[in-house]
Amino acid sequence: MPEDERDGDKDEQMRTAIEGCASLLGAGEAARIPVVAGSAFQKCLGRHGVKVPSAGEWLRLNPGEDPVLAAALRRC
């Protein structure tokens, strides 16, 4: 497999891992994930009032600074 394809798999695995643990972020903790088309997690955040950037941009997860995000993380 070409190296650039392997790197894409790592990025996808990292994004999925961060999304899976996002609800565990505590006060003062934050994470960034790339916004991708078709992410069920990101769609869920959007349905709960989080302003998700366009695909290709970054979404900053900092529940301590954003009560809407904090509530959405508990539901998604």
PDB file of N, CA and C in Angstrom:
ATOM      1  N   MET A   1       0.855  -1.177   0.000  1.00  0.00           N
ATOM      2  CA  MET A   1       0.000   0.000   0.000  1.00  0.00           C
ATOM      3  C   MET A   1       0.898   1.236   0.000  1.00  0.00           C
ATOM      4  N   PRO A   2       0.596   2.209  -0.859  1.00  0.00           N
ATOM      5  CA  PRO A   2       1.407   3.433  -0.889  1.00  0.00           C
ATOM      6  C   PRO A   2       1.373   4.161   0.449  1.00  0.00           C
ATOM      7  N   GLU A   3       2.477   4.848   0.755  1.00  0.00           N
ATOM      8  CA  GLU A   3       2.602   5.513   2.054  1.00  0.00           C
ATOM      9  C   GLU A   3       1.502   6.544   2.290  1.00  0.00           C
ATOM     10  N   ASP A   4       1.121   7.302   1.247  1.00  0.00           N
ATOM     11  CA  ASP A   4       0.092   8.324   1.447  1.00  0.00           C
ATOM     12  C   ASP A   4      -1.258   7.713   1.815  1.00  0.00           C
ATOM     13  N   GLU A   5      -1.551   6.506   1.346  1.00  0.00           N
ATOM     14  CA  GLU A   5      -2.793   5.832   1.722  1.00  0.00           C
ATOM     15  C   GLU A   5      -2.734   5.361   3.171  1.00  0.00           C
ATOM     16  N   ARG A   6      -1.579   4.889   3.606  1.00  0.00           N
ATOM     17  CA  ARG A   6      -1.433   4.463   5.007  1.00  0.00           C
ATOM     18  C   ARG A   6      -1.633   5.643   5.945  1.00  0.00           C
ATOM     19  N   ASP A   7      -1.079   6.803   5.587  1.00  0.00           N
ATOM     20  CA  ASP A   7      -1.248   7.992   6.420  1.00  0.00           C
ATOM     21  C   ASP A   7      -2.710   8.376   6.530  1.00  0.00           C
ATOM     22  N   GLY A   8      -3.466   8.237   5.449  1.00  0.00           N
ATOM     23  CA  GLY A   8      -4.890   8.532   5.486  1.00  0.00           C
ATOM     24  C   GLY A   8      -5.613   7.619   6.443  1.00  0.00           C
ATOM     25  N   ASP A   9      -5.225   6.347   6.480  1.00  0.00           N
ATOM     26  CA  ASP A   9      -5.834   5.410   7.423  1.00  0.00           C
ATOM     27  C   ASP A   9      -5.540   5.825   8.861  1.00  0.00           C
ATOM     28  N   LYS A  10      -4.324   6.269   9.120  1.00  0.00           N
ATOM     29  CA  LYS A  10      -3.961   6.717  10.475  1.00  0.00           C
ATOM     30  C   LYS A  10      -4.793   7.929  10.877  1.00  0.00           C
ATOM     31  N   ASP A  11      -4.969   8.868   9.941  1.00  0.00           N
ATOM     32  CA  ASP A  11      -5.772  10.055  10.236  1.00  0.00           C
ATOM     33  C   ASP A  11      -7.205   9.663  10.566  1.00  0.00           C
ATOM     34  N   GLU A  12      -7.760   8.748   9.809  1.00  0.00           N
ATOM     35  CA  GLU A  12      -9.129   8.288  10.049  1.00  0.00           C
ATOM     36  C   GLU A  12      -9.232   7.581  11.394  1.00  0.00           C
ATOM     37  N   GLN A  13      -8.258   6.756  11.712  1.00  0.00           N
ATOM     38  CA  GLN A  13      -8.269   6.055  12.996  1.00  0.00           C
ATOM     39  C   GLN A  13      -8.152   7.043  14.155  1.00  0.00           C
ATOM     40  N   MET A  14      -7.309   8.051  13.998  1.00  0.00           N
ATOM     41  CA  MET A  14      -7.137   9.053  15.049  1.00  0.00           C
ATOM     42  C   MET A  14      -8.424   9.849  15.236  1.00  0.00           C
ATOM     43  N   ARG A  15      -9.045  10.269  14.134  1.00  0.00           N
ATOM     44  CA  ARG A  15     -10.287  11.034  14.224  1.00  0.00           C
ATOM     45  C   ARG A  15     -11.366  10.209  14.913  1.00  0.00           C
ATOM     46  N   THR A  16     -11.490   8.953  14.528  1.00  0.00           N
ATOM     47  CA  THR A  16     -12.488   8.074  15.131  1.00  0.00           C
ATOM     48  C   THR A  16     -12.221   7.882  16.620  1.00  0.00           C
ATOM     49  N   ALA A  17     -10.960   7.730  16.991  1.00  0.00           N
ATOM     50  CA  ALA A  17     -10.611   7.555  18.407  1.00  0.00           C
ATOM     51  C   ALA A  17     -10.947   8.805  19.219  1.00  0.00           C
ATOM     52  N   ILE A  18     -10.637   9.973  18.675  1.00  0.00           N
ATOM     53  CA  ILE A  18     -10.938  11.219  19.387  1.00  0.00           C
ATOM     54  C   ILE A  18     -12.440  11.396  19.524  1.00  0.00           C
ATOM     55  N   GLU A  19     -13.180  11.120  18.447  1.00  0.00           N
ATOM     56  CA  GLU A  19     -14.634  11.233  18.525  1.00  0.00           C
ATOM     57  C   GLU A  19     -15.197  10.293  19.585  1.00  0.00           C
ATOM     58  N   GLY A  20     -14.651   9.091  19.670  1.00  0.00           N
ATOM     59  CA  GLY A  20     -15.131   8.115  20.644  1.00  0.00           C
ATOM     60  C   GLY A  20     -14.871   8.519  22.082  1.00  0.00           C
ATOM     61  N   CYS A  21     -13.839   9.305  22.304  1.00  0.00           N
ATOM     62  CA  CYS A  21     -13.472   9.710  23.671  1.00  0.00           C
ATOM     63  C   CYS A  21     -13.853  11.150  23.988  1.00  0.00           C
ATOM     64  N   ALA A  22     -14.449  11.854  23.050  1.00  0.00           N
ATOM     65  CA  ALA A  22     -14.724  13.282  23.232  1.00  0.00           C
ATOM     66  C   ALA A  22     -15.579  13.568  24.452  1.00  0.00           C
ATOM     67  N   SER A  23     -16.506  12.692  24.765  1.00  0.00           N
ATOM     68  CA  SER A  23     -17.379  12.949  25.916  1.00  0.00           C
ATOM     69  C   SER A  23     -16.618  12.871  27.238  1.00  0.00           C
ATOM     70  N   LEU A  24     -15.397  12.343  27.215  1.00  0.00           N
ATOM     71  CA  LEU A  24     -14.591  12.231  28.429  1.00  0.00           C
ATOM     72  C   LEU A  24     -13.738  13.472  28.700  1.00  0.00           C
ATOM     73  N   LEU A  25     -13.752  14.437  27.778  1.00  0.00           N
ATOM     74  CA  LEU A  25     -12.964  15.653  27.975  1.00  0.00           C
ATOM     75  C   LEU A  25     -13.457  16.386  29.212  1.00  0.00           C
ATOM     76  N   GLY A  26     -12.535  16.747  30.066  1.00  0.00           N
ATOM     77  CA  GLY A  26     -12.887  17.461  31.287  1.00  0.00           C
ATOM     78  C   GLY A  26     -12.680  18.952  31.140  1.00  0.00           C
ATOM     79  N   ALA A  27     -12.951  19.664  32.209  1.00  0.00           N
ATOM     80  CA  ALA A  27     -12.749  21.114  32.220  1.00  0.00           C
ATOM     81  C   ALA A  27     -11.280  21.414  31.939  1.00  0.00           C
ATOM     82  N   GLY A  28     -11.049  22.343  31.051  1.00  0.00           N
ATOM     83  CA  GLY A  28      -9.687  22.725  30.713  1.00  0.00           C
ATOM     84  C   GLY A  28      -9.027  21.828  29.683  1.00  0.00           C
ATOM     85  N   GLU A  29      -9.718  20.801  29.211  1.00  0.00           N
ATOM     86  CA  GLU A  29      -9.166  19.910  28.193  1.00  0.00           C
ATOM     87  C   GLU A  29      -9.838  20.203  26.857  1.00  0.00           C
ATOM     88  N   ALA A  30      -9.083  20.011  25.787  1.00  0.00           N
ATOM     89  CA  ALA A  30      -9.612  20.279  24.457  1.00  0.00           C
ATOM     90  C   ALA A  30      -8.981  19.321  23.457  1.00  0.00           C
ATOM     91  N   ALA A  31      -9.646  19.178  22.327  1.00  0.00           N
ATOM     92  CA  ALA A  31      -9.124  18.368  21.226  1.00  0.00           C
ATOM     93  C   ALA A  31      -9.567  19.020  19.925  1.00  0.00           C
ATOM     94  N   ARG A  32      -8.851  18.716  18.865  1.00  0.00           N
ATOM     95  CA  ARG A  32      -9.225  19.179  17.527  1.00  0.00           C
ATOM     96  C   ARG A  32      -9.395  17.962  16.647  1.00  0.00           C
ATOM     97  N   ILE A  33     -10.450  17.978  15.825  1.00  0.00           N
ATOM     98  CA  ILE A  33     -10.640  16.896  14.869  1.00  0.00           C
ATOM     99  C   ILE A  33     -10.929  17.497  13.501  1.00  0.00           C
ATOM    100  N   PRO A  34     -10.472  16.821  12.437  1.00  0.00           N
ATOM    101  CA  PRO A  34     -10.790  17.320  11.098  1.00  0.00           C
ATOM    102  C   PRO A  34     -12.260  17.045  10.788  1.00  0.00           C
ATOM    103  N   VAL A  35     -12.905  17.994  10.158  1.00  0.00           N
ATOM    104  CA  VAL A  35     -14.301  17.818   9.760  1.00  0.00           C
ATOM    105  C   VAL A  35     -14.311  17.069   8.433  1.00  0.00           C
ATOM    106  N   VAL A  36     -15.064  15.971   8.402  1.00  0.00           N
ATOM    107  CA  VAL A  36     -15.167  15.164   7.193  1.00  0.00           C
ATOM    108  C   VAL A  36     -16.635  14.974   6.843  1.00  0.00           C
ATOM    109  N   ALA A  37     -16.904  14.843   5.561  1.00  0.00           N
ATOM    110  CA  ALA A  37     -18.272  14.600   5.111  1.00  0.00           C
ATOM    111  C   ALA A  37     -18.709  13.215   5.565  1.00  0.00           C
ATOM    112  N   GLY A  38     -19.913  13.107   6.057  1.00  0.00           N
ATOM    113  CA  GLY A  38     -20.479  11.812   6.415  1.00  0.00           C
ATOM    114  C   GLY A  38     -20.194  11.329   7.820  1.00  0.00           C
ATOM    115  N   SER A  39     -19.558  12.123   8.653  1.00  0.00           N
ATOM    116  CA  SER A  39     -19.274  11.698  10.022  1.00  0.00           C
ATOM    117  C   SER A  39     -20.568  11.723  10.838  1.00  0.00           C
ATOM    118  N   ALA A  40     -20.988  10.564  11.319  1.00  0.00           N
ATOM    119  CA  ALA A  40     -22.211  10.478  12.126  1.00  0.00           C
ATOM    120  C   ALA A  40     -22.058  11.284  13.413  1.00  0.00           C
ATOM    121  N   PHE A  41     -20.877  11.253  14.009  1.00  0.00           N
ATOM    122  CA  PHE A  41     -20.614  12.005  15.235  1.00  0.00           C
ATOM    123  C   PHE A  41     -20.775  13.504  14.990  1.00  0.00           C
ATOM    124  N   GLN A  42     -20.195  13.995  13.918  1.00  0.00           N
ATOM    125  CA  GLN A  42     -20.267  15.420  13.622  1.00  0.00           C
ATOM    126  C   GLN A  42     -21.689  15.836  13.249  1.00  0.00           C
ATOM    127  N   LYS A  43     -22.419  14.972  12.563  1.00  0.00           N
ATOM    128  CA  LYS A  43     -23.829  15.256  12.267  1.00  0.00           C
ATOM    129  C   LYS A  43     -24.634  15.347  13.559  1.00  0.00           C
ATOM    130  N   CYS A  44     -24.363  14.458  14.495  1.00  0.00           N
ATOM    131  CA  CYS A  44     -25.055  14.471  15.781  1.00  0.00           C
ATOM    132  C   CYS A  44     -24.778  15.778  16.517  1.00  0.00           C
ATOM    133  N   LEU A  45     -23.532  16.210  16.531  1.00  0.00           N
ATOM    134  CA  LEU A  45     -23.199  17.482  17.177  1.00  0.00           C
ATOM    135  C   LEU A  45     -23.994  18.621  16.544  1.00  0.00           C
ATOM    136  N   GLY A  46     -24.070  18.626  15.218  1.00  0.00           N
ATOM    137  CA  GLY A  46     -24.813  19.659  14.509  1.00  0.00           C
ATOM    138  C   GLY A  46     -26.290  19.663  14.863  1.00  0.00           C
ATOM    139  N   ARG A  47     -26.879  18.469  15.001  1.00  0.00           N
ATOM    140  CA  ARG A  47     -28.297  18.372  15.371  1.00  0.00           C
ATOM    141  C   ARG A  47     -28.549  18.914  16.775  1.00  0.00           C
ATOM    142  N   HIS A  48     -27.521  18.921  17.608  1.00  0.00           N
ATOM    143  CA  HIS A  48     -27.669  19.406  18.979  1.00  0.00           C
ATOM    144  C   HIS A  48     -27.174  20.843  19.153  1.00  0.00           C
ATOM    145  N   GLY A  49     -27.033  21.566  18.048  1.00  0.00           N
ATOM    146  CA  GLY A  49     -26.739  22.994  18.122  1.00  0.00           C
ATOM    147  C   GLY A  49     -25.294  23.416  17.987  1.00  0.00           C
ATOM    148  N   VAL A  50     -24.383  22.472  17.797  1.00  0.00           N
ATOM    149  CA  VAL A  50     -22.969  22.819  17.627  1.00  0.00           C
ATOM    150  C   VAL A  50     -22.756  23.279  16.186  1.00  0.00           C
ATOM    151  N   LYS A  51     -22.058  24.385  16.009  1.00  0.00           N
ATOM    152  CA  LYS A  51     -21.747  24.878  14.669  1.00  0.00           C
ATOM    153  C   LYS A  51     -20.523  24.133  14.156  1.00  0.00           C
ATOM    154  N   VAL A  52     -20.757  23.147  13.301  1.00  0.00           N
ATOM    155  CA  VAL A  52     -19.676  22.332  12.748  1.00  0.00           C
ATOM    156  C   VAL A  52     -19.153  23.032  11.493  1.00  0.00           C
ATOM    157  N   PRO A  53     -17.843  23.283  11.415  1.00  0.00           N
ATOM    158  CA  PRO A  53     -17.276  23.936  10.229  1.00  0.00           C
ATOM    159  C   PRO A  53     -17.448  23.074   8.976  1.00  0.00           C
ATOM    160  N   SER A  54     -17.090  23.633   7.849  1.00  0.00           N
ATOM    161  CA  SER A  54     -17.164  22.916   6.577  1.00  0.00           C
ATOM    162  C   SER A  54     -16.146  21.783   6.536  1.00  0.00           C
ATOM    163  N   ALA A  55     -16.424  20.785   5.695  1.00  0.00           N
ATOM    164  CA  ALA A  55     -15.494  19.667   5.507  1.00  0.00           C
ATOM    165  C   ALA A  55     -14.126  20.211   5.114  1.00  0.00           C
ATOM    166  N   GLY A  56     -13.098  19.614   5.676  1.00  0.00           N
ATOM    167  CA  GLY A  56     -11.728  20.029   5.414  1.00  0.00           C
ATOM    168  C   GLY A  56     -11.184  21.002   6.452  1.00  0.00           C
ATOM    169  N   GLU A  57     -12.073  21.565   7.271  1.00  0.00           N
ATOM    170  CA  GLU A  57     -11.640  22.466   8.337  1.00  0.00           C
ATOM    171  C   GLU A  57     -11.534  21.671   9.635  1.00  0.00           C
ATOM    172  N   TRP A  58     -11.155  22.351  10.705  1.00  0.00           N
ATOM    173  CA  TRP A  58     -10.989  21.706  12.004  1.00  0.00           C
ATOM    174  C   TRP A  58     -12.114  22.094  12.949  1.00  0.00           C
ATOM    175  N   LEU A  59     -12.554  21.147  13.751  1.00  0.00           N
ATOM    176  CA  LEU A  59     -13.542  21.381  14.796  1.00  0.00           C
ATOM    177  C   LEU A  59     -12.826  21.286  16.132  1.00  0.00           C
ATOM    178  N   ARG A  60     -12.897  22.351  16.905  1.00  0.00           N
ATOM    179  CA  ARG A  60     -12.256  22.362  18.229  1.00  0.00           C
ATOM    180  C   ARG A  60     -13.282  21.918  19.257  1.00  0.00           C
ATOM    181  N   LEU A  61     -12.933  20.901  20.005  1.00  0.00           N
ATOM    182  CA  LEU A  61     -13.792  20.374  21.057  1.00  0.00           C
ATOM    183  C   LEU A  61     -13.253  20.852  22.395  1.00  0.00           C
ATOM    184  N   ASN A  62     -13.941  21.803  23.003  1.00  0.00           N
ATOM    185  CA  ASN A  62     -13.546  22.313  24.310  1.00  0.00           C
ATOM    186  C   ASN A  62     -14.822  22.536  25.121  1.00  0.00           C
ATOM    187  N   PRO A  63     -15.314  21.477  25.754  1.00  0.00           N
ATOM    188  CA  PRO A  63     -16.588  21.582  26.469  1.00  0.00           C
ATOM    189  C   PRO A  63     -16.566  22.568  27.629  1.00  0.00           C
ATOM    190  N   GLY A  64     -15.396  22.863  28.178  1.00  0.00           N
ATOM    191  CA  GLY A  64     -15.308  23.822  29.270  1.00  0.00           C
ATOM    192  C   GLY A  64     -15.617  25.245  28.840  1.00  0.00           C
ATOM    193  N   GLU A  65     -15.415  25.544  27.560  1.00  0.00           N
ATOM    194  CA  GLU A  65     -15.662  26.888  27.037  1.00  0.00           C
ATOM    195  C   GLU A  65     -17.001  27.008  26.331  1.00  0.00           C
ATOM    196  N   ASP A  66     -17.642  25.882  26.010  1.00  0.00           N
ATOM    197  CA  ASP A  66     -18.860  25.909  25.201  1.00  0.00           C
ATOM    198  C   ASP A  66     -19.912  24.985  25.807  1.00  0.00           C
ATOM    199  N   PRO A  67     -20.890  25.539  26.535  1.00  0.00           N
ATOM    200  CA  PRO A  67     -21.904  24.695  27.169  1.00  0.00           C
ATOM    201  C   PRO A  67     -22.772  23.928  26.170  1.00  0.00           C
ATOM    202  N   VAL A  68     -22.985  24.494  24.969  1.00  0.00           N
ATOM    203  CA  VAL A  68     -23.759  23.780  23.941  1.00  0.00           C
ATOM    204  C   VAL A  68     -22.997  22.531  23.515  1.00  0.00           C
ATOM    205  N   LEU A  69     -21.701  22.677  23.303  1.00  0.00           N
ATOM    206  CA  LEU A  69     -20.864  21.537  22.940  1.00  0.00           C
ATOM    207  C   LEU A  69     -20.835  20.514  24.067  1.00  0.00           C
ATOM    208  N   ALA A  70     -20.705  20.968  25.293  1.00  0.00           N
ATOM    209  CA  ALA A  70     -20.669  20.054  26.441  1.00  0.00           C
ATOM    210  C   ALA A  70     -21.941  19.213  26.499  1.00  0.00           C
ATOM    211  N   ALA A  71     -23.094  19.841  26.293  1.00  0.00           N
ATOM    212  CA  ALA A  71     -24.363  19.110  26.314  1.00  0.00           C
ATOM    213  C   ALA A  71     -24.451  18.141  25.138  1.00  0.00           C
ATOM    214  N   ALA A  72     -23.999  18.574  23.960  1.00  0.00           N
ATOM    215  CA  ALA A  72     -24.043  17.711  22.780  1.00  0.00           C
ATOM    216  C   ALA A  72     -23.133  16.497  22.947  1.00  0.00           C
ATOM    217  N   LEU A  73     -21.969  16.685  23.555  1.00  0.00           N
ATOM    218  CA  LEU A  73     -21.051  15.559  23.758  1.00  0.00           C
ATOM    219  C   LEU A  73     -21.674  14.493  24.651  1.00  0.00           C
ATOM    220  N   ARG A  74     -22.493  14.891  25.594  1.00  0.00           N
ATOM    221  CA  ARG A  74     -23.156  13.910  26.459  1.00  0.00           C
ATOM    222  C   ARG A  74     -24.207  13.109  25.694  1.00  0.00           C
ATOM    223  N   ARG A  75     -24.747  13.680  24.629  1.00  0.00           N
ATOM    224  CA  ARG A  75     -25.799  13.015  23.859  1.00  0.00           C
ATOM    225  C   ARG A  75     -25.265  12.228  22.666  1.00  0.00           C
ATOM    226  N   CYS A  76     -24.116  12.615  22.168  1.00  0.00           N
ATOM    227  CA  CYS A  76     -23.583  11.973  20.963  1.00  0.00           C
ATOM    228  C   CYS A  76     -22.559  10.944  21.350  1.00  0.00           C
TER     229      CYS A  76
END
